[in-house]
C-alpha atoms as a PDB file:
ATOM      1  CA  UNK A   1     -26.152 -12.188 -33.323  1.00  0.00           C
ATOM      2  CA  UNK A   2     -28.267  -9.911 -31.091  1.00  0.00           C
ATOM      3  CA  UNK A   3     -31.683  -9.744 -30.178  1.00  0.00           C
ATOM      4  CA  UNK A   4     -32.652  -7.784 -33.225  1.00  0.00           C
ATOM      5  CA  UNK A   5     -31.170 -10.487 -35.360  1.00  0.00           C
ATOM      6  CA  UNK A   6     -32.914 -13.297 -33.481  1.00  0.00           C
ATOM      7  CA  UNK A   7     -36.367 -11.457 -33.933  1.00  0.00           C
ATOM      8  CA  UNK A   8     -35.794 -11.191 -37.610  1.00  0.00           C
ATOM      9  CA  UNK A   9     -35.088 -14.932 -37.979  1.00  0.00           C
ATOM     10  CA  UNK A  10     -37.998 -16.819 -39.358  1.00  0.00           C
ATOM     11  CA  UNK A  11     -38.263 -20.301 -40.932  1.00  0.00           C
ATOM     12  CA  UNK A  12     -34.454 -20.421 -40.045  1.00  0.00           C
ATOM     13  CA  UNK A  13     -32.105 -23.152 -38.597  1.00  0.00           C
ATOM     14  CA  UNK A  14     -29.699 -23.204 -35.957  1.00  0.00           C
ATOM     15  CA  UNK A  15     -27.101 -25.859 -36.151  1.00  0.00           C
ATOM     16  CA  UNK A  16     -25.766 -26.975 -32.752  1.00  0.00           C
ATOM     17  CA  UNK A  17     -22.376 -28.396 -31.870  1.00  0.00           C
ATOM     18  CA  UNK A  18     -21.883 -30.701 -29.145  1.00  0.00           C
ATOM     19  CA  UNK A  19     -19.995 -28.353 -26.817  1.00  0.00           C
ATOM     20  CA  UNK A  20     -22.940 -26.006 -26.554  1.00  0.00           C
ATOM     21  CA  UNK A  21     -25.496 -28.527 -25.869  1.00  0.00           C
ATOM     22  CA  UNK A  22     -23.060 -29.979 -23.090  1.00  0.00           C
ATOM     23  CA  UNK A  23     -22.372 -26.308 -21.746  1.00  0.00           C
ATOM     24  CA  UNK A  24     -26.069 -25.830 -21.033  1.00  0.00           C
ATOM     25  CA  UNK A  25     -26.595 -29.196 -19.694  1.00  0.00           C
ATOM     26  CA  UNK A  26     -23.827 -28.802 -17.259  1.00  0.00           C
ATOM     27  CA  UNK A  27     -24.950 -25.327 -16.228  1.00  0.00           C
ATOM     28  CA  UNK A  28     -28.553 -26.792 -15.401  1.00  0.00           C
ATOM     29  CA  UNK A  29     -29.791 -24.318 -18.401  1.00  0.00           C
ATOM     30  CA  UNK A  30     -31.688 -26.833 -20.142  1.00  0.00           C
ATOM     31  CA  UNK A  31     -35.138 -25.177 -19.256  1.00  0.00           C
ATOM     32  CA  UNK A  32     -33.949 -22.095 -20.763  1.00  0.00           C
ATOM     33  CA  UNK A  33     -32.646 -24.040 -23.992  1.00  0.00           C
ATOM     34  CA  UNK A  34     -36.139 -25.371 -24.292  1.00  0.00           C
ATOM     35  CA  UNK A  35     -37.735 -21.804 -23.687  1.00  0.00           C
ATOM     36  CA  UNK A  36     -35.583 -20.569 -26.448  1.00  0.00           C
ATOM     37  CA  UNK A  37     -36.561 -23.080 -28.833  1.00  0.00           C
ATOM     38  CA  UNK A  38     -40.323 -22.288 -28.119  1.00  0.00           C
ATOM     39  CA  UNK A  39     -39.828 -18.712 -29.205  1.00  0.00           C
ATOM     40  CA  UNK A  40     -37.761 -19.519 -32.282  1.00  0.00           C
ATOM     41  CA  UNK A  41     -39.643 -19.660 -35.422  1.00  0.00           C
ATOM     42  CA  UNK A  42     -37.471 -22.359 -37.030  1.00  0.00           C
ATOM     43  CA  UNK A  43     -35.558 -25.517 -35.982  1.00  0.00           C
ATOM     44  CA  UNK A  44     -32.817 -26.368 -33.864  1.00  0.00           C
ATOM     45  CA  UNK A  45     -30.598 -29.071 -35.601  1.00  0.00           C
ATOM     46  CA  UNK A  46     -27.827 -31.357 -34.781  1.00  0.00           C
ATOM     47  CA  UNK A  47     -25.965 -33.634 -37.210  1.00  0.00           C
ATOM     48  CA  UNK A  48     -25.621 -37.457 -36.586  1.00  0.00           C
ATOM     49  CA  UNK A  49     -21.862 -36.709 -35.694  1.00  0.00           C
ATOM     50  CA  UNK A  50     -22.897 -34.263 -33.033  1.00  0.00           C
ATOM     51  CA  UNK A  51     -25.515 -36.565 -31.743  1.00  0.00           C
ATOM     52  CA  UNK A  52     -22.644 -39.211 -31.237  1.00  0.00           C
ATOM     53  CA  UNK A  53     -20.529 -36.768 -29.322  1.00  0.00           C
ATOM     54  CA  UNK A  54     -23.280 -35.394 -27.033  1.00  0.00           C
ATOM     55  CA  UNK A  55     -25.289 -38.158 -26.426  1.00  0.00           C
ATOM     56  CA  UNK A  56     -24.417 -41.745 -27.932  1.00  0.00           C
ATOM     57  CA  UNK A  57     -20.965 -41.968 -26.726  1.00  0.00           C
ATOM     58  CA  UNK A  58     -21.159 -40.179 -23.459  1.00  0.00           C
ATOM     59  CA  UNK A  59     -24.019 -42.571 -22.365  1.00  0.00           C
ATOM     60  CA  UNK A  60     -21.497 -45.318 -22.340  1.00  0.00           C
ATOM     61  CA  UNK A  61     -19.390 -43.485 -19.826  1.00  0.00           C
ATOM     62  CA  UNK A  62     -20.747 -43.382 -16.315  1.00  0.00           C
ATOM     63  CA  UNK A  63     -18.927 -39.892 -15.530  1.00  0.00           C
ATOM     64  CA  UNK A  64     -20.715 -38.192 -18.639  1.00  0.00           C
ATOM     65  CA  UNK A  65     -23.906 -40.212 -18.727  1.00  0.00           C
ATOM     66  CA  UNK A  66     -26.384 -37.751 -16.733  1.00  0.00           C
ATOM     67  CA  UNK A  67     -25.408 -34.782 -19.038  1.00  0.00           C
ATOM     68  CA  UNK A  68     -26.048 -37.149 -22.187  1.00  0.00           C
ATOM     69  CA  UNK A  69     -29.388 -38.269 -20.756  1.00  0.00           C
ATOM     70  CA  UNK A  70     -30.434 -34.533 -20.290  1.00  0.00           C
ATOM     71  CA  UNK A  71     -29.428 -33.598 -24.010  1.00  0.00           C
ATOM     72  CA  UNK A  72     -31.178 -36.849 -25.066  1.00  0.00           C
ATOM     73  CA  UNK A  73     -34.437 -35.770 -23.414  1.00  0.00           C
ATOM     74  CA  UNK A  74     -34.111 -32.832 -25.817  1.00  0.00           C
ATOM     75  CA  UNK A  75     -33.919 -34.969 -28.607  1.00  0.00           C
ATOM     76  CA  UNK A  76     -36.685 -37.210 -27.478  1.00  0.00           C
ATOM     77  CA  UNK A  77     -38.953 -34.008 -27.244  1.00  0.00           C
ATOM     78  CA  UNK A  78     -37.914 -32.789 -30.778  1.00  0.00           C
ATOM     79  CA  UNK A  79     -36.536 -29.874 -29.378  1.00  0.00           C
ATOM     80  CA  UNK A  80     -33.385 -30.992 -31.432  1.00  0.00           C
ATOM     81  CA  UNK A  81     -33.865 -32.814 -34.526  1.00  0.00           C
ATOM     82  CA  UNK A  82     -31.745 -34.463 -37.197  1.00  0.00           C
ATOM     83  CA  UNK A  83     -30.973 -32.874 -40.739  1.00  0.00           C
ATOM     84  CA  UNK A  84     -33.399 -35.702 -42.114  1.00  0.00           C
ATOM     85  CA  UNK A  85     -36.158 -33.523 -40.983  1.00  0.00           C
ATOM     86  CA  UNK A  86     -35.238 -30.930 -43.271  1.00  0.00           C
ATOM     87  CA  UNK A  87     -35.067 -33.488 -46.220  1.00  0.00           C
ATOM     88  CA  UNK A  88     -31.159 -33.418 -46.138  1.00  0.00           C
ATOM     89  CA  UNK A  89     -29.471 -37.125 -46.678  1.00  0.00           C
ATOM     90  CA  UNK A  90     -26.741 -38.166 -44.242  1.00  0.00           C
ATOM     91  CA  UNK A  91     -24.678 -39.306 -47.255  1.00  0.00           C
ATOM     92  CA  UNK A  92     -24.541 -35.636 -48.632  1.00  0.00           C
ATOM     93  CA  UNK A  93     -23.475 -34.372 -45.189  1.00  0.00           C
ATOM     94  CA  UNK A  94     -21.094 -37.217 -44.702  1.00  0.00           C
ATOM     95  CA  UNK A  95     -19.427 -36.252 -48.253  1.00  0.00           C
ATOM     96  CA  UNK A  96     -19.139 -32.654 -47.397  1.00  0.00           C
ATOM     97  CA  UNK A  97     -17.724 -33.245 -43.867  1.00  0.00           C
ATOM     98  CA  UNK A  98     -14.867 -35.416 -45.130  1.00  0.00           C
ATOM     99  CA  UNK A  99     -13.929 -32.536 -47.868  1.00  0.00           C
ATOM    100  CA  UNK A 100     -13.961 -29.933 -45.085  1.00  0.00           C
ATOM    101  CA  UNK A 101     -11.818 -32.250 -42.667  1.00  0.00           C
ATOM    102  CA  UNK A 102      -9.325 -32.933 -45.405  1.00  0.00           C
ATOM    103  CA  UNK A 103      -9.190 -29.178 -46.037  1.00  0.00           C
ATOM    104  CA  UNK A 104      -9.184 -27.800 -42.574  1.00  0.00           C
ATOM    105  CA  UNK A 105      -6.468 -30.373 -41.279  1.00  0.00           C
ATOM    106  CA  UNK A 106      -4.085 -29.816 -44.086  1.00  0.00           C
ATOM    107  CA  UNK A 107      -4.072 -25.939 -43.906  1.00  0.00           C
ATOM    108  CA  UNK A 108      -1.174 -25.695 -41.399  1.00  0.00           C
ATOM    109  CA  UNK A 109       2.048 -27.538 -41.171  1.00  0.00           C
ATOM    110  CA  UNK A 110       4.427 -27.520 -38.107  1.00  0.00           C
ATOM    111  CA  UNK A 111       7.707 -29.350 -38.267  1.00  0.00           C
ATOM    112  CA  UNK A 112       6.812 -30.883 -41.747  1.00  0.00           C
ATOM    113  CA  UNK A 113       3.567 -32.329 -40.553  1.00  0.00           C
ATOM    114  CA  UNK A 114      -0.179 -31.206 -40.951  1.00  0.00           C
ATOM    115  CA  UNK A 115      -1.740 -29.777 -38.047  1.00  0.00           C
ATOM    116  CA  UNK A 116      -5.041 -31.224 -36.777  1.00  0.00           C
ATOM    117  CA  UNK A 117      -7.462 -28.109 -35.870  1.00  0.00           C
ATOM    118  CA  UNK A 118     -11.073 -29.399 -36.145  1.00  0.00           C
ATOM    119  CA  UNK A 119     -12.976 -32.666 -35.441  1.00  0.00           C
ATOM    120  CA  UNK A 120     -15.630 -34.439 -37.298  1.00  0.00           C
ATOM    121  CA  UNK A 121     -18.450 -32.893 -35.061  1.00  0.00           C
ATOM    122  CA  UNK A 122     -17.528 -29.218 -36.027  1.00  0.00           C
ATOM    123  CA  UNK A 123     -17.074 -30.371 -39.695  1.00  0.00           C
ATOM    124  CA  UNK A 124     -20.316 -31.788 -39.937  1.00  0.00           C
ATOM    125  CA  UNK A 125     -21.972 -28.462 -38.594  1.00  0.00           C
ATOM    126  CA  UNK A 126     -20.188 -26.515 -41.139  1.00  0.00           C
ATOM    127  CA  UNK A 127     -21.034 -29.238 -43.988  1.00  0.00           C
ATOM    128  CA  UNK A 128     -24.830 -28.975 -42.981  1.00  0.00           C
ATOM    129  CA  UNK A 129     -24.585 -25.156 -43.175  1.00  0.00           C
ATOM    130  CA  UNK A 130     -23.075 -25.250 -46.399  1.00  0.00           C
ATOM    131  CA  UNK A 131     -25.700 -27.832 -47.808  1.00  0.00           C
ATOM    132  CA  UNK A 132     -28.280 -25.221 -46.558  1.00  0.00           C
ATOM    133  CA  UNK A 133     -26.693 -22.319 -47.976  1.00  0.00           C
ATOM    134  CA  UNK A 134     -26.751 -24.230 -51.495  1.00  0.00           C
ATOM    135  CA  UNK A 135     -30.759 -24.799 -50.831  1.00  0.00           C
ATOM    136  CA  UNK A 136     -30.900 -21.058 -49.835  1.00  0.00           C
ATOM    137  CA  UNK A 137     -32.197 -22.098 -46.235  1.00  0.00           C
ATOM    138  CA  UNK A 138     -30.780 -19.257 -43.716  1.00  0.00           C
ATOM    139  CA  UNK A 139     -28.960 -20.726 -41.197  1.00  0.00           C
ATOM    140  CA  UNK A 140     -26.441 -20.086 -38.433  1.00  0.00           C
ATOM    141  CA  UNK A 141     -24.089 -22.442 -36.501  1.00  0.00           C
ATOM    142  CA  UNK A 142     -23.979 -22.401 -32.641  1.00  0.00           C
ATOM    143  CA  UNK A 143     -20.338 -23.288 -31.881  1.00  0.00           C
ATOM    144  CA  UNK A 144     -18.151 -21.953 -28.845  1.00  0.00           C
ATOM    145  CA  UNK A 145     -14.714 -23.238 -29.901  1.00  0.00           C
ATOM    146  CA  UNK A 146     -12.690 -20.338 -30.869  1.00  0.00           C
ATOM    147  CA  UNK A 147     -10.457 -22.405 -33.639  1.00  0.00           C
ATOM    148  CA  UNK A 148     -13.975 -23.168 -35.480  1.00  0.00           C
ATOM    149  CA  UNK A 149     -14.949 -19.531 -35.402  1.00  0.00           C
ATOM    150  CA  UNK A 150     -11.371 -18.287 -36.563  1.00  0.00           C
ATOM    151  CA  UNK A 151     -11.319 -20.669 -39.339  1.00  0.00           C
ATOM    152  CA  UNK A 152     -14.603 -19.576 -40.742  1.00  0.00           C
ATOM    153  CA  UNK A 153     -13.971 -15.723 -40.038  1.00  0.00           C
ATOM    154  CA  UNK A 154     -10.256 -15.110 -40.232  1.00  0.00           C
ATOM    155  CA  UNK A 155      -8.193 -18.459 -40.904  1.00  0.00           C
ATOM    156  CA  UNK A 156      -5.007 -16.529 -41.298  1.00  0.00           C
ATOM    157  CA  UNK A 157      -5.181 -15.367 -37.721  1.00  0.00           C
ATOM    158  CA  UNK A 158      -5.091 -19.136 -36.492  1.00  0.00           C
ATOM    159  CA  UNK A 159      -1.267 -19.092 -37.637  1.00  0.00           C
ATOM    160  CA  UNK A 160      -0.325 -16.849 -34.800  1.00  0.00           C
ATOM    161  CA  UNK A 161      -2.409 -18.787 -32.240  1.00  0.00           C
ATOM    162  CA  UNK A 162      -0.909 -22.251 -33.410  1.00  0.00           C
ATOM    163  CA  UNK A 163       2.692 -20.908 -33.339  1.00  0.00           C
ATOM    164  CA  UNK A 164       2.019 -19.931 -29.699  1.00  0.00           C
ATOM    165  CA  UNK A 165       0.465 -22.925 -28.769  1.00  0.00           C
ATOM    166  CA  UNK A 166       2.978 -25.387 -30.516  1.00  0.00           C
ATOM    167  CA  UNK A 167       6.097 -23.198 -29.967  1.00  0.00           C
ATOM    168  CA  UNK A 168       7.036 -23.475 -33.491  1.00  0.00           C
ATOM    169  CA  UNK A 169       6.964 -21.798 -36.881  1.00  0.00           C
ATOM    170  CA  UNK A 170       3.741 -22.648 -38.659  1.00  0.00           C
ATOM    171  CA  UNK A 171       3.142 -22.681 -42.331  1.00  0.00           C
ATOM    172  CA  UNK A 172      -0.234 -21.552 -43.710  1.00  0.00           C
ATOM    173  CA  UNK A 173      -1.534 -22.800 -46.874  1.00  0.00           C
ATOM    174  CA  UNK A 174      -3.978 -20.033 -48.262  1.00  0.00           C
ATOM    175  CA  UNK A 175      -7.732 -21.186 -48.941  1.00  0.00           C
ATOM    176  CA  UNK A 176      -8.156 -22.364 -52.405  1.00  0.00           C
ATOM    177  CA  UNK A 177     -12.085 -22.847 -52.112  1.00  0.00           C
ATOM    178  CA  UNK A 178     -14.966 -21.239 -50.205  1.00  0.00           C
ATOM    179  CA  UNK A 179     -15.612 -23.961 -47.540  1.00  0.00           C
ATOM    180  CA  UNK A 180     -14.739 -21.764 -44.681  1.00  0.00           C
ATOM    181  CA  UNK A 181     -15.952 -18.271 -45.780  1.00  0.00           C
ATOM    182  CA  UNK A 182     -19.381 -16.494 -45.266  1.00  0.00           C
ATOM    183  CA  UNK A 183     -20.428 -18.517 -42.019  1.00  0.00           C
ATOM    184  CA  UNK A 184     -22.447 -17.125 -39.261  1.00  0.00           C
ATOM    185  CA  UNK A 185     -21.712 -18.177 -35.770  1.00  0.00           C
ATOM    186  CA  UNK A 186     -23.481 -17.689 -32.692  1.00  0.00           C
ATOM    187  CA  UNK A 187     -21.864 -18.891 -29.126  1.00  0.00           C
ATOM    188  CA  UNK A 188     -23.507 -20.038 -25.885  1.00  0.00           C
ATOM    189  CA  UNK A 189     -22.868 -16.546 -24.423  1.00  0.00           C
ATOM    190  CA  UNK A 190     -25.209 -14.913 -27.124  1.00  0.00           C
ATOM    191  CA  UNK A 191     -27.749 -17.567 -26.488  1.00  0.00           C
ATOM    192  CA  UNK A 192     -27.619 -16.930 -22.773  1.00  0.00           C
ATOM    193  CA  UNK A 193     -27.817 -13.102 -23.400  1.00  0.00           C
ATOM    194  CA  UNK A 194     -30.809 -13.557 -25.672  1.00  0.00           C
ATOM    195  CA  UNK A 195     -32.541 -15.668 -22.997  1.00  0.00           C
ATOM    196  CA  UNK A 196     -31.734 -13.130 -20.284  1.00  0.00           C
ATOM    197  CA  UNK A 197     -33.109 -10.156 -22.427  1.00  0.00           C
ATOM    198  CA  UNK A 198     -36.430 -12.184 -23.132  1.00  0.00           C
ATOM    199  CA  UNK A 199     -36.771 -13.058 -19.442  1.00  0.00           C
ATOM    200  CA  UNK A 200     -36.450 -16.635 -20.127  1.00  0.00           C
ATOM    201  CA  UNK A 201     -33.850 -17.081 -17.214  1.00  0.00           C
ATOM    202  CA  UNK A 202     -35.505 -18.357 -14.006  1.00  0.00           C
ATOM    203  CA  UNK A 203     -33.315 -16.762 -11.643  1.00  0.00           C
ATOM    204  CA  UNK A 204     -33.958 -13.202 -10.596  1.00  0.00           C
ATOM    205  CA  UNK A 205     -30.757 -11.297  -9.428  1.00  0.00           C
ATOM    206  CA  UNK A 206     -29.084  -8.520 -10.653  1.00  0.00           C
ATOM    207  CA  UNK A 207     -25.838 -10.373 -10.825  1.00  0.00           C
ATOM    208  CA  UNK A 208     -27.389 -13.388 -12.917  1.00  0.00           C
ATOM    209  CA  UNK A 209     -26.275 -12.319 -16.257  1.00  0.00           C
ATOM    210  CA  UNK A 210     -22.760 -12.011 -15.307  1.00  0.00           C
ATOM    211  CA  UNK A 211     -22.631 -15.126 -13.458  1.00  0.00           C
ATOM    212  CA  UNK A 212     -24.197 -16.883 -16.525  1.00  0.00           C
ATOM    213  CA  UNK A 213     -21.690 -15.512 -18.846  1.00  0.00           C
ATOM    214  CA  UNK A 214     -18.842 -16.496 -16.683  1.00  0.00           C
ATOM    215  CA  UNK A 215     -20.437 -20.013 -16.297  1.00  0.00           C
ATOM    216  CA  UNK A 216     -20.257 -20.707 -19.918  1.00  0.00           C
ATOM    217  CA  UNK A 217     -16.971 -19.144 -20.427  1.00  0.00           C
ATOM    218  CA  UNK A 218     -15.592 -21.559 -17.703  1.00  0.00           C
ATOM    219  CA  UNK A 219     -17.177 -24.545 -19.682  1.00  0.00           C
ATOM    220  CA  UNK A 220     -15.410 -23.744 -22.837  1.00  0.00           C
ATOM    221  CA  UNK A 221     -16.963 -20.634 -24.560  1.00  0.00           C
ATOM    222  CA  UNK A 222     -14.477 -18.573 -26.073  1.00  0.00           C
ATOM    223  CA  UNK A 223     -15.652 -14.970 -24.662  1.00  0.00           C
ATOM    224  CA  UNK A 224     -13.318 -12.403 -23.204  1.00  0.00           C
ATOM    225  CA  UNK A 225     -13.692 -10.533 -20.109  1.00  0.00           C
ATOM    226  CA  UNK A 226     -14.361  -7.330 -22.017  1.00  0.00           C
ATOM    227  CA  UNK A 227     -16.988  -9.154 -24.005  1.00  0.00           C
ATOM    228  CA  UNK A 228     -18.744 -10.051 -20.833  1.00  0.00           C
ATOM    229  CA  UNK A 229     -18.548  -6.338 -19.616  1.00  0.00           C
ATOM    230  CA  UNK A 230     -20.061  -5.067 -22.881  1.00  0.00           C
ATOM    231  CA  UNK A 231     -22.931  -7.583 -22.484  1.00  0.00           C
ATOM    232  CA  UNK A 232     -23.464  -6.419 -18.959  1.00  0.00           C
ATOM    233  CA  UNK A 233     -23.696  -2.913 -20.032  1.00  0.00           C
ATOM    234  CA  UNK A 234     -26.209  -3.819 -23.045  1.00  0.00           C
ATOM    235  CA  UNK A 235     -28.228  -5.849 -20.607  1.00  0.00           C
END
């Protein structure tokens, strides 16, 4: 999703996974996150499962409590909202989430066992996205994890990745439904790039874009060095 696409989005929804929220919090970029919300003509949504991952559970662990408090402030200020603000029932999300988990985590087998590839937070984001699609509400998912992105874009490519990771032959069950296709995904790197192009970044230095992109890469955003160089050229 580039700057032009962002500008075209009206009355749209961005569904955030926990990892992106934590990345912004850990890099001290929540002020930029708030500014992005101000210029976005739509809503920033998190599912209840993501809220548990990014706020509720980390608040109980001293090591992660500070970041969780920062993200909670976004929620308290209604920068982030729950699907109920869209009239979406939690029961419907839960049913679709379980369907996605069951399907995704049985797609690949290694040594006679199913391989677990996604968790409930990511699955709930996709579940909400599919529900919004059914209601013809345009949306995009903000997710950094490479596995989830590959699952939505080219699940067959995950076979090679899993074989390298698990050092064993992997069997792939071809998809029999449309749960994982036609998804739109944005990463924290693209959000940072948009903030930079919109002059929302507080730092004013010629190296700041590169520094920001590598910062989110080191916190888990799946972005290659070549992609970073391309964003620098475009910036």
